[in-house]
Amino acid sequence: MNVRRLIPTTAVTGAVALGLLTLSACGGTSDAADKGSDGKLDVVASFYPMQYLAEQIGGGHVAVRTLTAPGVEPHDLELKPRQIGELADADVLLYLKGIQPAVDDAIAQAGVEHTVDAAGLTSVEGHGAEAGEGHDHAEEGGESHEGHDHGSGSGTDPHVWLDPVKYAEVAEGVGAAFAKADPDHAPDYKANTAALVKKLGALDTEFETGLKNTATRTFITTHSAFGHLAERYHLEQEGISGVDPESEPSPARIKQLQDIAKADKVSTVFFETLASDKTAKTLAADTGLRTDVLDPLEGITDKSRGADYVEVMRSNLAALKTALGAK
């Protein structure tokens, strides 16, 4: 996880005060308030996985805005004072604590009644399919998952949306929150949630079936975001540089991954669309492996292999099946 440019808590708190003061000076009006005047539920989502849930569940009854523009690495997001101030005018704030500390701090200050933390709707505990656990890396490389901080506490992994089952649990909680915030349209939110959960259930079945029989269970990726997915489908994730896809791995870690690739018959090194592929290509060249994209789905751009969550997840499945030698 890239946390090099995150806003310190004190700076965010000051910006919140500035943003709210600016709104007061203008008579309490803002773009957010204007957007809510059409009778739709005004929902602010922190980044794409939350935006997708809001749009799928809310349908025509919601106006959804996201704090993270397409192409922006979510962990690097810096909020402007105006953005922070406008959070207070939203009907619903939907975020996932631990992914974007700057957003976490701003939302905590906003005081919106219907604030939904997706991390509280499913389990985000650590799991055995993390880099640093599957092959006892802690002593050798110094790059094990155990030393990384996702921002939500020790031993947790907030990338729950990459597990369709956990994502469906989050969807159910979001649907209930929308119904509470907008009781008049509760039946529609309930129906839309059920349809989304069914869609995610079908996606889970595709992954379970597609990855049931493979030549290897190990995959190497620049970004250790796929622990929940790996645990769900009995795979072993090996992160090159842990949660920061752009950091340089140690020579010991490179040697370790070379040994793992040989022992576990790994064919592919995965990289992602929103970060540099330099490290993945260097490792692949040194080990004679291929490279391919495994998208952590933190944002959709014109480089994404699909137009939405389900399409990109299916592209991820196809990439994993090829890399793992699915039969």
C-alpha atoms as a PDB file:
ATOM      1  CA  MET A   1       0.000   0.000   0.000  1.00  0.00           C
ATOM      2  CA  ASN A   2       1.466   3.324  -1.025  1.00  0.00           C
ATOM      3  CA  VAL A   3       1.311   5.735   1.903  1.00  0.00           C
ATOM      4  CA  ARG A   4       4.109   8.122   0.987  1.00  0.00           C
ATOM      5  CA  ARG A   5       1.934  11.153   0.358  1.00  0.00           C
ATOM      6  CA  LEU A   6      -0.926  10.738   2.816  1.00  0.00           C
ATOM      7  CA  ILE A   7      -2.112  13.852   4.677  1.00  0.00           C
ATOM      8  CA  PRO A   8      -1.189  13.930   8.377  1.00  0.00           C
ATOM      9  CA  THR A   9      -4.138  13.792  10.786  1.00  0.00           C
ATOM     10  CA  THR A  10      -3.487  17.316  12.068  1.00  0.00           C
ATOM     11  CA  ALA A  11      -3.547  18.705   8.535  1.00  0.00           C
ATOM     12  CA  VAL A  12      -6.811  16.942   7.747  1.00  0.00           C
ATOM     13  CA  THR A  13      -8.419  18.209  10.954  1.00  0.00           C
ATOM     14  CA  GLY A  14      -7.412  21.762  10.074  1.00  0.00           C
ATOM     15  CA  ALA A  15      -8.694  21.360   6.546  1.00  0.00           C
ATOM     16  CA  VAL A  16     -12.013  20.062   7.880  1.00  0.00           C
ATOM     17  CA  ALA A  17     -12.411  23.163  10.012  1.00  0.00           C
ATOM     18  CA  LEU A  18     -11.510  25.393   7.072  1.00  0.00           C
ATOM     19  CA  GLY A  19     -13.922  23.600   4.765  1.00  0.00           C
ATOM     20  CA  LEU A  20     -16.821  23.788   7.199  1.00  0.00           C
ATOM     21  CA  LEU A  21     -16.086  27.458   7.922  1.00  0.00           C
ATOM     22  CA  THR A  22     -16.133  28.225   4.201  1.00  0.00           C
ATOM     23  CA  LEU A  23     -19.522  26.570   3.847  1.00  0.00           C
ATOM     24  CA  SER A  24     -20.927  28.574   6.779  1.00  0.00           C
ATOM     25  CA  ALA A  25     -19.702  31.808   5.243  1.00  0.00           C
ATOM     26  CA  CYS A  26     -21.582  30.983   2.053  1.00  0.00           C
ATOM     27  CA  GLY A  27     -24.894  30.432   3.805  1.00  0.00           C
ATOM     28  CA  GLY A  28     -24.468  26.668   4.031  1.00  0.00           C
ATOM     29  CA  THR A  29     -24.836  25.975   0.312  1.00  0.00           C
ATOM     30  CA  SER A  30     -22.569  23.738  -1.768  1.00  0.00           C
ATOM     31  CA  ASP A  31     -22.496  21.579  -4.856  1.00  0.00           C
ATOM     32  CA  ALA A  32     -23.356  18.604  -2.649  1.00  0.00           C
ATOM     33  CA  ALA A  33     -26.474  20.327  -1.355  1.00  0.00           C
ATOM     34  CA  ASP A  34     -27.490  21.294  -4.876  1.00  0.00           C
ATOM     35  CA  LYS A  35     -27.144  17.697  -6.060  1.00  0.00           C
ATOM     36  CA  GLY A  36     -29.366  16.504  -3.229  1.00  0.00           C
ATOM     37  CA  SER A  37     -32.151  18.929  -4.178  1.00  0.00           C
ATOM     38  CA  ASP A  38     -33.504  16.604  -6.876  1.00  0.00           C
ATOM     39  CA  GLY A  39     -34.793  14.252  -4.226  1.00  0.00           C
ATOM     40  CA  LYS A  40     -32.112  11.616  -4.697  1.00  0.00           C
ATOM     41  CA  LEU A  41     -30.075  10.218  -1.851  1.00  0.00           C
ATOM     42  CA  ASP A  42     -26.728  11.999  -1.962  1.00  0.00           C
ATOM     43  CA  VAL A  43     -24.028   9.341  -1.502  1.00  0.00           C
ATOM     44  CA  VAL A  44     -20.304  10.040  -1.297  1.00  0.00           C
ATOM     45  CA  ALA A  45     -18.135   6.960  -1.868  1.00  0.00           C
ATOM     46  CA  SER A  46     -14.461   6.932  -0.953  1.00  0.00           C
ATOM     47  CA  PHE A  47     -13.176   4.984  -3.987  1.00  0.00           C
ATOM     48  CA  TYR A  48     -14.306   2.681  -6.789  1.00  0.00           C
ATOM     49  CA  PRO A  49     -15.295  -0.515  -4.888  1.00  0.00           C
ATOM     50  CA  MET A  50     -17.597   1.590  -2.690  1.00  0.00           C
ATOM     51  CA  GLN A  51     -18.876   3.572  -5.676  1.00  0.00           C
ATOM     52  CA  TYR A  52     -19.821   0.357  -7.479  1.00  0.00           C
ATOM     53  CA  LEU A  53     -21.820  -0.880  -4.493  1.00  0.00           C
ATOM     54  CA  ALA A  54     -23.625   2.441  -4.153  1.00  0.00           C
ATOM     55  CA  GLU A  55     -24.568   2.567  -7.835  1.00  0.00           C
ATOM     56  CA  GLN A  56     -25.693  -1.056  -8.010  1.00  0.00           C
ATOM     57  CA  ILE A  57     -27.748  -0.901  -4.825  1.00  0.00           C
ATOM     58  CA  GLY A  58     -29.022   2.659  -5.121  1.00  0.00           C
ATOM     59  CA  GLY A  59     -30.033   2.553  -8.769  1.00  0.00           C
ATOM     60  CA  GLY A  60     -32.025   5.593  -9.846  1.00  0.00           C
ATOM     61  CA  HIS A  61     -32.709   6.703  -6.279  1.00  0.00           C
ATOM     62  CA  VAL A  62     -29.157   7.850  -5.539  1.00  0.00           C
ATOM     63  CA  ALA A  63     -26.677  10.410  -6.783  1.00  0.00           C
ATOM     64  CA  VAL A  64     -23.211   8.930  -6.247  1.00  0.00           C
ATOM     65  CA  ARG A  65     -19.959  10.851  -6.132  1.00  0.00           C
ATOM     66  CA  THR A  66     -16.530   9.383  -5.464  1.00  0.00           C
ATOM     67  CA  LEU A  67     -13.655  11.089  -3.693  1.00  0.00           C
ATOM     68  CA  THR A  68     -11.085   9.242  -5.815  1.00  0.00           C
ATOM     69  CA  ALA A  69     -11.018  10.163  -9.497  1.00  0.00           C
ATOM     70  CA  PRO A  70     -10.317   7.444 -12.106  1.00  0.00           C
ATOM     71  CA  GLY A  71      -6.599   6.867 -12.497  1.00  0.00           C
ATOM     72  CA  VAL A  72      -5.692   8.183  -9.042  1.00  0.00           C
ATOM     73  CA  GLU A  73      -3.932   5.687  -6.786  1.00  0.00           C
ATOM     74  CA  PRO A  74      -6.395   5.586  -3.840  1.00  0.00           C
ATOM     75  CA  HIS A  75      -3.729   5.325  -1.156  1.00  0.00           C
ATOM     76  CA  ASP A  76      -2.141   8.559  -2.417  1.00  0.00           C
ATOM     77  CA  LEU A  77      -5.371  10.590  -2.378  1.00  0.00           C
ATOM     78  CA  GLU A  78      -5.119  14.125  -1.027  1.00  0.00           C
ATOM     79  CA  LEU A  79      -8.422  15.830  -0.240  1.00  0.00           C
ATOM     80  CA  LYS A  80      -8.967  19.518  -0.895  1.00  0.00           C
ATOM     81  CA  PRO A  81     -10.547  21.600   1.897  1.00  0.00           C
ATOM     82  CA  ARG A  82     -13.662  22.075  -0.233  1.00  0.00           C
ATOM     83  CA  GLN A  83     -14.063  18.303  -0.644  1.00  0.00           C
ATOM     84  CA  ILE A  84     -13.686  17.768   3.067  1.00  0.00           C
ATOM     85  CA  GLY A  85     -16.187  20.483   3.904  1.00  0.00           C
ATOM     86  CA  GLU A  86     -18.771  19.100   1.496  1.00  0.00           C
ATOM     87  CA  LEU A  87     -18.726  15.717   3.200  1.00  0.00           C
ATOM     88  CA  ALA A  88     -20.977  17.155   5.897  1.00  0.00           C
ATOM     89  CA  ASP A  89     -23.730  17.767   3.310  1.00  0.00           C
ATOM     90  CA  ALA A  90     -23.942  14.157   2.138  1.00  0.00           C
ATOM     91  CA  ASP A  91     -26.861  11.912   3.106  1.00  0.00           C
ATOM     92  CA  VAL A  92     -24.634   8.833   3.212  1.00  0.00           C
ATOM     93  CA  LEU A  93     -20.864   8.469   3.452  1.00  0.00           C
ATOM     94  CA  LEU A  94     -19.597   5.093   2.268  1.00  0.00           C
ATOM     95  CA  TYR A  95     -15.959   4.183   2.819  1.00  0.00           C
ATOM     96  CA  LEU A  96     -13.640   1.358   3.836  1.00  0.00           C
ATOM     97  CA  LYS A  97     -11.532   2.208   6.853  1.00  0.00           C
ATOM     98  CA  GLY A  98      -7.857   1.353   6.523  1.00  0.00           C
ATOM     99  CA  ILE A  99      -7.426   1.996   2.810  1.00  0.00           C
ATOM    100  CA  GLN A 100      -7.211   5.811   2.803  1.00  0.00           C
ATOM    101  CA  PRO A 101      -6.205   7.304   6.164  1.00  0.00           C
ATOM    102  CA  ALA A 102      -6.784  10.849   4.886  1.00  0.00           C
ATOM    103  CA  VAL A 103     -10.377   9.909   4.045  1.00  0.00           C
ATOM    104  CA  ASP A 104     -10.812   8.105   7.364  1.00  0.00           C
ATOM    105  CA  ASP A 105      -9.845  11.255   9.267  1.00  0.00           C
ATOM    106  CA  ALA A 106     -12.039  13.540   7.167  1.00  0.00           C
ATOM    107  CA  ILE A 107     -15.102  11.311   7.496  1.00  0.00           C
ATOM    108  CA  ALA A 108     -14.609  11.047  11.249  1.00  0.00           C
ATOM    109  CA  GLN A 109     -14.866  14.843  11.412  1.00  0.00           C
ATOM    110  CA  ALA A 110     -17.880  15.141   9.076  1.00  0.00           C
ATOM    111  CA  GLY A 111     -20.519  14.038  11.578  1.00  0.00           C
ATOM    112  CA  VAL A 112     -22.884  12.528   8.983  1.00  0.00           C
ATOM    113  CA  GLU A 113     -25.556  10.343  10.598  1.00  0.00           C
ATOM    114  CA  HIS A 114     -25.514   7.650   7.922  1.00  0.00           C
ATOM    115  CA  THR A 115     -21.814   6.874   7.740  1.00  0.00           C
ATOM    116  CA  VAL A 116     -21.039   3.333   6.588  1.00  0.00           C
ATOM    117  CA  ASP A 117     -17.652   1.704   7.145  1.00  0.00           C
ATOM    118  CA  ALA A 118     -17.476  -1.337   4.881  1.00  0.00           C
ATOM    119  CA  ALA A 119     -14.710  -2.803   7.047  1.00  0.00           C
ATOM    120  CA  GLY A 120     -17.288  -3.232   9.792  1.00  0.00           C
ATOM    121  CA  LEU A 121     -19.635  -5.240   7.568  1.00  0.00           C
ATOM    122  CA  THR A 122     -17.364  -8.262   7.077  1.00  0.00           C
ATOM    123  CA  SER A 123     -14.172  -9.694   8.562  1.00  0.00           C
ATOM    124  CA  VAL A 124     -10.850  -8.095   7.640  1.00  0.00           C
ATOM    125  CA  GLU A 125      -8.627 -10.194   9.867  1.00  0.00           C
ATOM    126  CA  GLY A 126      -5.257 -11.470   8.686  1.00  0.00           C
ATOM    127  CA  HIS A 127      -5.055 -14.761   6.864  1.00  0.00           C
ATOM    128  CA  GLY A 128      -2.589 -17.466   5.986  1.00  0.00           C
ATOM    129  CA  ALA A 129      -2.361 -16.668   2.279  1.00  0.00           C
ATOM    130  CA  GLU A 130      -0.319 -13.524   2.790  1.00  0.00           C
ATOM    131  CA  ALA A 131       3.166 -12.770   1.570  1.00  0.00           C
ATOM    132  CA  GLY A 132       5.542 -13.741   4.300  1.00  0.00           C
ATOM    133  CA  GLU A 133       3.498 -16.623   5.688  1.00  0.00           C
ATOM    134  CA  GLY A 134       3.195 -19.280   3.013  1.00  0.00           C
ATOM    135  CA  HIS A 135       6.934 -19.907   2.706  1.00  0.00           C
ATOM    136  CA  ASP A 136       8.318 -18.630   6.009  1.00  0.00           C
ATOM    137  CA  HIS A 137       9.809 -15.414   4.639  1.00  0.00           C
ATOM    138  CA  ALA A 138      10.094 -13.432   7.825  1.00  0.00           C
ATOM    139  CA  GLU A 139      13.702 -14.363   8.540  1.00  0.00           C
ATOM    140  CA  GLU A 140      15.211 -14.084   5.076  1.00  0.00           C
ATOM    141  CA  GLY A 141      13.966 -11.148   3.061  1.00  0.00           C
ATOM    142  CA  GLY A 142      12.745  -8.624   5.573  1.00  0.00           C
ATOM    143  CA  GLU A 143       9.873  -7.947   3.182  1.00  0.00           C
ATOM    144  CA  SER A 144       7.276 -10.190   4.756  1.00  0.00           C
ATOM    145  CA  HIS A 145       3.658  -9.161   5.115  1.00  0.00           C
ATOM    146  CA  GLU A 146       3.973  -9.178   8.879  1.00  0.00           C
ATOM    147  CA  GLY A 147       5.916  -5.897   8.797  1.00  0.00           C
ATOM    148  CA  HIS A 148       3.336  -3.988   6.758  1.00  0.00           C
ATOM    149  CA  ASP A 149       0.618  -1.731   8.025  1.00  0.00           C
ATOM    150  CA  HIS A 150      -2.596  -1.473   6.045  1.00  0.00           C
ATOM    151  CA  GLY A 151      -3.676   1.354   8.266  1.00  0.00           C
ATOM    152  CA  SER A 152      -6.522  -0.506   9.962  1.00  0.00           C
ATOM    153  CA  GLY A 153      -4.591  -2.275  12.663  1.00  0.00           C
ATOM    154  CA  SER A 154      -2.102  -5.055  13.000  1.00  0.00           C
ATOM    155  CA  GLY A 155      -2.914  -8.303  11.279  1.00  0.00           C
ATOM    156  CA  THR A 156      -5.746  -6.963   9.115  1.00  0.00           C
ATOM    157  CA  ASP A 157      -6.175  -6.709   5.354  1.00  0.00           C
ATOM    158  CA  PRO A 158      -8.801  -4.244   4.075  1.00  0.00           C
ATOM    159  CA  HIS A 159      -8.885  -5.538   0.462  1.00  0.00           C
ATOM    160  CA  VAL A 160     -12.130  -7.427   1.131  1.00  0.00           C
ATOM    161  CA  TRP A 161     -13.758  -6.512  -2.198  1.00  0.00           C
ATOM    162  CA  LEU A 162     -11.421  -8.924  -4.004  1.00  0.00           C
ATOM    163  CA  ASP A 163     -13.240 -11.802  -2.309  1.00  0.00           C
ATOM    164  CA  PRO A 164     -16.735 -11.931  -3.877  1.00  0.00           C
ATOM    165  CA  VAL A 165     -18.164 -13.592  -0.765  1.00  0.00           C
ATOM    166  CA  LYS A 166     -16.941 -10.871   1.579  1.00  0.00           C
ATOM    167  CA  TYR A 167     -17.948  -8.212  -0.937  1.00  0.00           C
ATOM    168  CA  ALA A 168     -21.475  -9.649  -0.937  1.00  0.00           C
ATOM    169  CA  GLU A 169     -21.548  -9.369   2.869  1.00  0.00           C
ATOM    170  CA  VAL A 170     -20.575  -5.720   2.541  1.00  0.00           C
ATOM    171  CA  ALA A 171     -23.290  -5.222  -0.092  1.00  0.00           C
ATOM    172  CA  GLU A 172     -25.948  -6.514   2.277  1.00  0.00           C
ATOM    173  CA  GLY A 173     -24.841  -4.057   4.949  1.00  0.00           C
ATOM    174  CA  VAL A 174     -24.815  -1.174   2.488  1.00  0.00           C
ATOM    175  CA  GLY A 175     -28.306  -2.079   1.296  1.00  0.00           C
ATOM    176  CA  ALA A 176     -29.589  -2.013   4.872  1.00  0.00           C
ATOM    177  CA  ALA A 177     -27.931   1.368   5.448  1.00  0.00           C
ATOM    178  CA  PHE A 178     -29.524   2.865   2.330  1.00  0.00           C
ATOM    179  CA  ALA A 179     -32.933   1.567   3.410  1.00  0.00           C
ATOM    180  CA  LYS A 180     -32.492   3.200   6.801  1.00  0.00           C
ATOM    181  CA  ALA A 181     -31.384   6.500   5.277  1.00  0.00           C
ATOM    182  CA  ASP A 182     -34.198   6.497   2.689  1.00  0.00           C
ATOM    183  CA  PRO A 183     -37.115   4.372   3.984  1.00  0.00           C
ATOM    184  CA  ASP A 184     -39.429   5.396   1.132  1.00  0.00           C
ATOM    185  CA  HIS A 185     -37.323   3.387  -1.313  1.00  0.00           C
ATOM    186  CA  ALA A 186     -36.348   0.555   1.034  1.00  0.00           C
ATOM    187  CA  PRO A 187     -38.047  -2.171  -1.081  1.00  0.00           C
ATOM    188  CA  ASP A 188     -36.031  -1.139  -4.137  1.00  0.00           C
ATOM    189  CA  TYR A 189     -32.772  -1.108  -2.193  1.00  0.00           C
ATOM    190  CA  LYS A 190     -33.580  -4.552  -0.853  1.00  0.00           C
ATOM    191  CA  ALA A 191     -34.319  -5.901  -4.341  1.00  0.00           C
ATOM    192  CA  ASN A 192     -31.193  -4.319  -5.838  1.00  0.00           C
ATOM    193  CA  THR A 193     -29.062  -5.720  -3.027  1.00  0.00           C
ATOM    194  CA  ALA A 194     -30.456  -9.206  -3.584  1.00  0.00           C
ATOM    195  CA  ALA A 195     -29.687  -8.955  -7.308  1.00  0.00           C
ATOM    196  CA  LEU A 196     -26.116  -7.844  -6.616  1.00  0.00           C
ATOM    197  CA  VAL A 197     -25.546 -10.581  -4.036  1.00  0.00           C
ATOM    198  CA  LYS A 198     -26.782 -13.128  -6.570  1.00  0.00           C
ATOM    199  CA  LYS A 199     -24.372 -11.727  -9.184  1.00  0.00           C
ATOM    200  CA  LEU A 200     -21.480 -11.931  -6.731  1.00  0.00           C
ATOM    201  CA  GLY A 201     -22.485 -15.475  -5.814  1.00  0.00           C
ATOM    202  CA  ALA A 202     -22.263 -16.475  -9.465  1.00  0.00           C
ATOM    203  CA  LEU A 203     -18.827 -14.822  -9.662  1.00  0.00           C
ATOM    204  CA  ASP A 204     -17.693 -16.787  -6.615  1.00  0.00           C
ATOM    205  CA  THR A 205     -18.805 -20.005  -8.281  1.00  0.00           C
ATOM    206  CA  GLU A 206     -16.835 -19.097 -11.419  1.00  0.00           C
ATOM    207  CA  PHE A 207     -13.669 -18.590  -9.353  1.00  0.00           C
ATOM    208  CA  GLU A 208     -14.205 -21.733  -7.297  1.00  0.00           C
ATOM    209  CA  THR A 209     -14.735 -23.854 -10.395  1.00  0.00           C
ATOM    210  CA  GLY A 210     -12.077 -22.189 -12.524  1.00  0.00           C
ATOM    211  CA  LEU A 211      -9.335 -22.482  -9.894  1.00  0.00           C
ATOM    212  CA  LYS A 212     -10.221 -25.892  -8.506  1.00  0.00           C
ATOM    213  CA  ASN A 213      -7.607 -27.860 -10.447  1.00  0.00           C
ATOM    214  CA  THR A 214      -4.357 -26.069 -11.266  1.00  0.00           C
ATOM    215  CA  ALA A 215      -0.737 -27.043 -11.833  1.00  0.00           C
ATOM    216  CA  THR A 216       0.389 -24.668  -9.053  1.00  0.00           C
ATOM    217  CA  ARG A 217      -1.362 -22.779  -6.274  1.00  0.00           C
ATOM    218  CA  THR A 218       1.213 -19.980  -5.996  1.00  0.00           C
ATOM    219  CA  PHE A 219       1.164 -16.598  -7.715  1.00  0.00           C
ATOM    220  CA  ILE A 220       3.586 -13.673  -7.450  1.00  0.00           C
ATOM    221  CA  THR A 221       2.334 -10.098  -7.489  1.00  0.00           C
ATOM    222  CA  THR A 222       3.816  -6.650  -6.909  1.00  0.00           C
ATOM    223  CA  HIS A 223       0.988  -5.615  -4.573  1.00  0.00           C
ATOM    224  CA  SER A 224      -0.012  -7.817  -1.641  1.00  0.00           C
ATOM    225  CA  ALA A 225      -3.697  -6.988  -2.105  1.00  0.00           C
ATOM    226  CA  PHE A 226      -4.985 -10.470  -2.923  1.00  0.00           C
ATOM    227  CA  GLY A 227      -4.787 -12.225   0.426  1.00  0.00           C
ATOM    228  CA  HIS A 228      -8.561 -12.549   0.870  1.00  0.00           C
ATOM    229  CA  LEU A 229      -8.953 -13.830  -2.684  1.00  0.00           C
ATOM    230  CA  ALA A 230      -6.091 -16.277  -2.186  1.00  0.00           C
ATOM    231  CA  GLU A 231      -7.546 -17.588   1.058  1.00  0.00           C
ATOM    232  CA  ARG A 232     -11.010 -18.003  -0.444  1.00  0.00           C
ATOM    233  CA  TYR A 233      -9.744 -20.114  -3.341  1.00  0.00           C
ATOM    234  CA  HIS A 234      -6.905 -21.930  -1.545  1.00  0.00           C
ATOM    235  CA  LEU A 235      -4.055 -20.118  -3.281  1.00  0.00           C
ATOM    236  CA  GLU A 236      -0.709 -18.751  -2.060  1.00  0.00           C
ATOM    237  CA  GLN A 237      -0.015 -15.062  -2.670  1.00  0.00           C
ATOM    238  CA  GLU A 238       3.630 -13.966  -2.842  1.00  0.00           C
ATOM    239  CA  GLY A 239       4.081 -10.188  -2.744  1.00  0.00           C
ATOM    240  CA  ILE A 240       7.278  -8.783  -4.225  1.00  0.00           C
ATOM    241  CA  SER A 241       7.387  -5.665  -2.084  1.00  0.00           C
ATOM    242  CA  GLY A 242       4.445  -6.067   0.238  1.00  0.00           C
ATOM    243  CA  VAL A 243       1.723  -3.473   0.212  1.00  0.00           C
ATOM    244  CA  ASP A 244       3.687  -0.791  -1.657  1.00  0.00           C
ATOM    245  CA  PRO A 245       3.787  -1.865  -5.323  1.00  0.00           C
ATOM    246  CA  GLU A 246       6.366   0.769  -6.239  1.00  0.00           C
ATOM    247  CA  SER A 247       8.985   0.065  -3.554  1.00  0.00           C
ATOM    248  CA  GLU A 248      12.165  -1.805  -4.385  1.00  0.00           C
ATOM    249  CA  PRO A 249      12.441  -5.348  -2.971  1.00  0.00           C
ATOM    250  CA  SER A 250      15.631  -6.357  -1.198  1.00  0.00           C
ATOM    251  CA  PRO A 251      18.155  -8.609  -2.980  1.00  0.00           C
ATOM    252  CA  ALA A 252      17.335 -11.302  -0.421  1.00  0.00           C
ATOM    253  CA  ARG A 253      13.632 -11.070  -1.294  1.00  0.00           C
ATOM    254  CA  ILE A 254      14.401 -11.325  -5.020  1.00  0.00           C
ATOM    255  CA  LYS A 255      16.480 -14.450  -4.402  1.00  0.00           C
ATOM    256  CA  GLN A 256      13.708 -15.860  -2.263  1.00  0.00           C
ATOM    257  CA  LEU A 257      11.112 -15.298  -4.979  1.00  0.00           C
ATOM    258  CA  GLN A 258      13.373 -16.896  -7.566  1.00  0.00           C
ATOM    259  CA  ASP A 259      13.580 -19.987  -5.376  1.00  0.00           C
ATOM    260  CA  ILE A 260       9.814 -19.997  -4.806  1.00  0.00           C
ATOM    261  CA  ALA A 261       9.111 -19.605  -8.520  1.00  0.00           C
ATOM    262  CA  LYS A 262      11.301 -22.591  -9.307  1.00  0.00           C
ATOM    263  CA  ALA A 263      10.004 -24.796  -6.496  1.00  0.00           C
ATOM    264  CA  ASP A 264       6.318 -23.999  -7.070  1.00  0.00           C
ATOM    265  CA  LYS A 265       6.443 -23.911 -10.878  1.00  0.00           C
ATOM    266  CA  VAL A 266       5.348 -20.273 -11.035  1.00  0.00           C
ATOM    267  CA  SER A 267       5.034 -19.003 -14.606  1.00  0.00           C
ATOM    268  CA  THR A 268       3.931 -15.388 -14.222  1.00  0.00           C
ATOM    269  CA  VAL A 269       4.688 -12.227 -12.267  1.00  0.00           C
ATOM    270  CA  PHE A 270       1.634 -10.000 -11.904  1.00  0.00           C
ATOM    271  CA  PHE A 271       1.539  -6.217 -11.801  1.00  0.00           C
ATOM    272  CA  GLU A 272      -1.340  -3.723 -11.624  1.00  0.00           C
ATOM    273  CA  THR A 273      -2.644  -0.913 -13.802  1.00  0.00           C
ATOM    274  CA  LEU A 274      -2.367   2.004 -11.343  1.00  0.00           C
ATOM    275  CA  ALA A 275       1.274   1.451 -10.380  1.00  0.00           C
ATOM    276  CA  SER A 276       4.609   1.019 -12.144  1.00  0.00           C
ATOM    277  CA  ASP A 277       5.332  -2.386 -13.691  1.00  0.00           C
ATOM    278  CA  LYS A 278       9.099  -1.879 -13.391  1.00  0.00           C
ATOM    279  CA  THR A 279       9.652  -4.221 -10.426  1.00  0.00           C
ATOM    280  CA  ALA A 280       7.524  -6.991 -11.910  1.00  0.00           C
ATOM    281  CA  LYS A 281       9.303  -6.809 -15.256  1.00  0.00           C
ATOM    282  CA  THR A 282      12.724  -6.816 -13.587  1.00  0.00           C
ATOM    283  CA  LEU A 283      11.910  -9.917 -11.548  1.00  0.00           C
ATOM    284  CA  ALA A 284      10.353 -11.628 -14.567  1.00  0.00           C
ATOM    285  CA  ALA A 285      13.425 -10.921 -16.692  1.00  0.00           C
ATOM    286  CA  ASP A 286      15.730 -12.268 -13.979  1.00  0.00           C
ATOM    287  CA  THR A 287      13.713 -15.464 -13.576  1.00  0.00           C
ATOM    288  CA  GLY A 288      12.576 -16.091 -17.150  1.00  0.00           C
ATOM    289  CA  LEU A 289       8.896 -15.605 -16.255  1.00  0.00           C
ATOM    290  CA  ARG A 290       6.038 -13.882 -18.052  1.00  0.00           C
ATOM    291  CA  THR A 291       4.255 -10.753 -16.790  1.00  0.00           C
ATOM    292  CA  ASP A 292       0.542 -10.086 -16.744  1.00  0.00           C
ATOM    293  CA  VAL A 293      -2.015  -7.838 -15.034  1.00  0.00           C
ATOM    294  CA  LEU A 294      -3.824  -8.789 -11.831  1.00  0.00           C
ATOM    295  CA  ASP A 295      -6.016  -5.800 -11.089  1.00  0.00           C
ATOM    296  CA  PRO A 296      -6.707  -4.913  -7.425  1.00  0.00           C
ATOM    297  CA  LEU A 297      -9.743  -2.990  -8.681  1.00  0.00           C
ATOM    298  CA  GLU A 298      -9.034   0.181  -6.775  1.00  0.00           C
ATOM    299  CA  GLY A 299     -10.164   2.203  -9.796  1.00  0.00           C
ATOM    300  CA  ILE A 300     -11.458   1.797 -13.343  1.00  0.00           C
ATOM    301  CA  THR A 301      -9.607   3.510 -16.197  1.00  0.00           C
ATOM    302  CA  ASP A 302      -9.308   3.063 -19.955  1.00  0.00           C
ATOM    303  CA  LYS A 303      -6.488   0.616 -19.207  1.00  0.00           C
ATOM    304  CA  SER A 304      -8.720  -1.641 -17.140  1.00  0.00           C
ATOM    305  CA  ARG A 305      -9.624  -5.024 -18.582  1.00  0.00           C
ATOM    306  CA  GLY A 306     -13.319  -4.450 -18.199  1.00  0.00           C
ATOM    307  CA  ALA A 307     -15.849  -1.679 -17.666  1.00  0.00           C
ATOM    308  CA  ASP A 308     -16.896  -2.564 -14.119  1.00  0.00           C
ATOM    309  CA  TYR A 309     -16.135  -4.710 -11.093  1.00  0.00           C
ATOM    310  CA  VAL A 310     -17.522  -7.988 -12.431  1.00  0.00           C
ATOM    311  CA  GLU A 311     -15.855  -7.667 -15.835  1.00  0.00           C
ATOM    312  CA  VAL A 312     -12.444  -6.896 -14.327  1.00  0.00           C
ATOM    313  CA  MET A 313     -12.778  -9.723 -11.811  1.00  0.00           C
ATOM    314  CA  ARG A 314     -13.488 -12.115 -14.673  1.00  0.00           C
ATOM    315  CA  SER A 315     -10.374 -10.831 -16.412  1.00  0.00           C
ATOM    316  CA  ASN A 316      -8.445 -11.494 -13.199  1.00  0.00           C
ATOM    317  CA  LEU A 317      -9.830 -15.019 -13.140  1.00  0.00           C
ATOM    318  CA  ALA A 318      -8.740 -15.620 -16.738  1.00  0.00           C
ATOM    319  CA  ALA A 319      -5.247 -14.336 -15.922  1.00  0.00           C
ATOM    320  CA  LEU A 320      -4.983 -16.544 -12.837  1.00  0.00           C
ATOM    321  CA  LYS A 321      -6.204 -19.618 -14.705  1.00  0.00           C
ATOM    322  CA  THR A 322      -3.513 -19.115 -17.346  1.00  0.00           C
ATOM    323  CA  ALA A 323      -0.757 -18.375 -14.832  1.00  0.00           C
ATOM    324  CA  LEU A 324      -1.639 -21.269 -12.527  1.00  0.00           C
ATOM    325  CA  GLY A 325      -2.175 -23.795 -15.308  1.00  0.00           C
ATOM    326  CA  ALA A 326      -5.845 -24.452 -14.670  1.00  0.00           C
ATOM    327  CA  LYS A 327      -7.066 -27.761 -16.057  1.00  0.00           C
END
